[in-house]
Amino acid sequence: MDHYILNLVNFGDELQIAIRCHLAIEHHLINVIENELKYPDEFSSSKLNFRQKVELAIALGKIDKGMKGTFLSINKLRNQFA
């Protein structure tokens, strides 16, 4: 995974890097959330915004609480380009 992340941030302009990192993080969040669901067909993560996905993944104990600020900063940076 570390090699994959390094490849995301080692090429392209700032916009491309921000978008790729955001997409990779969001994909990871969705995976960890959905893997915890007993009835995944009864829930749609697409209705959650990025912050809610981060907070839910933390509440489930699937990502370190200390990463919240980093993830939200990347989200803010991506939103500045939008």
Protein backbone atom coordinates (compact mmCIF):
# COMPACT_ATOMS: atom_id res chain seq x y z
CA MET A 1 0.00 0.00 0.00
CA ASP A 2 2.84 2.43 0.82
CA HIS A 3 4.29 2.02 -2.68
CA TYR A 4 0.85 2.68 -4.17
CA ILE A 5 0.46 5.91 -2.15
CA LEU A 6 3.92 7.10 -3.14
CA ASN A 7 3.03 6.60 -6.79
CA LEU A 8 -0.07 8.75 -6.29
CA VAL A 9 1.87 11.73 -5.01
CA ASN A 10 5.05 11.50 -7.07
CA PHE A 11 3.74 12.67 -10.43
CA GLY A 12 1.35 15.20 -11.91
CA ASP A 13 0.40 18.69 -10.97
CA GLU A 14 -1.09 19.67 -7.60
CA LEU A 15 -4.67 19.21 -8.80
CA GLN A 16 -4.01 15.69 -10.08
CA ILE A 17 -2.23 14.73 -6.86
CA ALA A 18 -5.02 16.13 -4.67
CA ILE A 19 -7.72 14.34 -6.66
CA ARG A 20 -5.87 11.00 -6.75
CA CYS A 21 -5.13 11.07 -3.03
CA HIS A 22 -8.70 12.02 -2.18
CA LEU A 23 -10.11 9.25 -4.37
CA ALA A 24 -7.75 6.66 -2.88
CA ILE A 25 -8.64 7.67 0.68
CA GLU A 26 -12.36 7.71 -0.05
CA HIS A 27 -12.14 4.28 -1.70
CA HIS A 28 -10.34 2.93 1.37
CA LEU A 29 -12.93 4.49 3.72
CA ILE A 30 -15.82 2.95 1.78
CA ASN A 31 -14.13 -0.47 1.86
CA VAL A 32 -13.48 -0.45 5.59
CA ILE A 33 -17.01 0.78 6.35
CA GLU A 34 -18.75 -1.71 4.06
CA ASN A 35 -16.65 -4.61 5.34
CA GLU A 36 -18.08 -4.01 8.82
CA LEU A 37 -21.72 -4.11 7.77
CA LYS A 38 -23.77 -7.14 8.69
CA TYR A 39 -26.33 -6.31 5.98
CA PRO A 40 -24.46 -4.26 3.35
CA ASP A 41 -27.46 -4.21 1.00
CA GLU A 42 -29.31 -2.12 3.60
CA PHE A 43 -26.80 0.73 3.57
CA SER A 44 -25.42 3.07 0.93
CA SER A 45 -22.16 4.83 1.70
CA SER A 46 -22.77 7.10 -1.30
CA LYS A 47 -25.19 9.09 0.86
CA LEU A 48 -22.40 10.01 3.27
CA ASN A 49 -20.13 12.97 2.66
CA PHE A 50 -16.38 12.61 3.04
CA ARG A 51 -16.29 13.88 6.64
CA GLN A 52 -19.02 11.43 7.65
CA LYS A 53 -17.10 8.55 6.07
CA VAL A 54 -13.97 9.55 7.97
CA GLU A 55 -15.85 9.84 11.25
CA LEU A 56 -17.71 6.55 10.76
CA ALA A 57 -14.49 4.69 9.95
CA ILE A 58 -12.92 6.14 13.11
CA ALA A 59 -15.99 5.24 15.20
CA LEU A 60 -15.77 1.68 13.89
CA GLY A 61 -12.12 1.58 14.93
CA LYS A 62 -10.97 0.99 11.37
CA ILE A 63 -8.74 4.01 10.96
CA ASP A 64 -6.58 5.76 13.51
CA LYS A 65 -8.24 8.74 15.17
CA GLY A 66 -5.07 10.76 14.56
CA MET A 67 -5.60 10.57 10.78
CA LYS A 68 -8.83 12.59 10.88
CA GLY A 69 -7.08 15.96 10.51
CA THR A 70 -4.93 14.73 7.65
CA PHE A 71 -7.86 13.24 5.75
CA LEU A 72 -9.99 16.36 6.25
CA SER A 73 -7.10 18.58 5.12
CA ILE A 74 -6.79 16.57 1.92
CA ASN A 75 -10.55 16.92 1.44
CA LYS A 76 -10.32 20.69 1.96
CA LEU A 77 -7.46 20.94 -0.53
CA ARG A 78 -9.40 18.93 -3.11
CA ASN A 79 -12.45 21.15 -2.56
CA GLN A 80 -10.37 24.28 -3.16
CA PHE A 81 -9.61 23.00 -6.65
CA ALA A 82 -13.26 22.19 -7.36
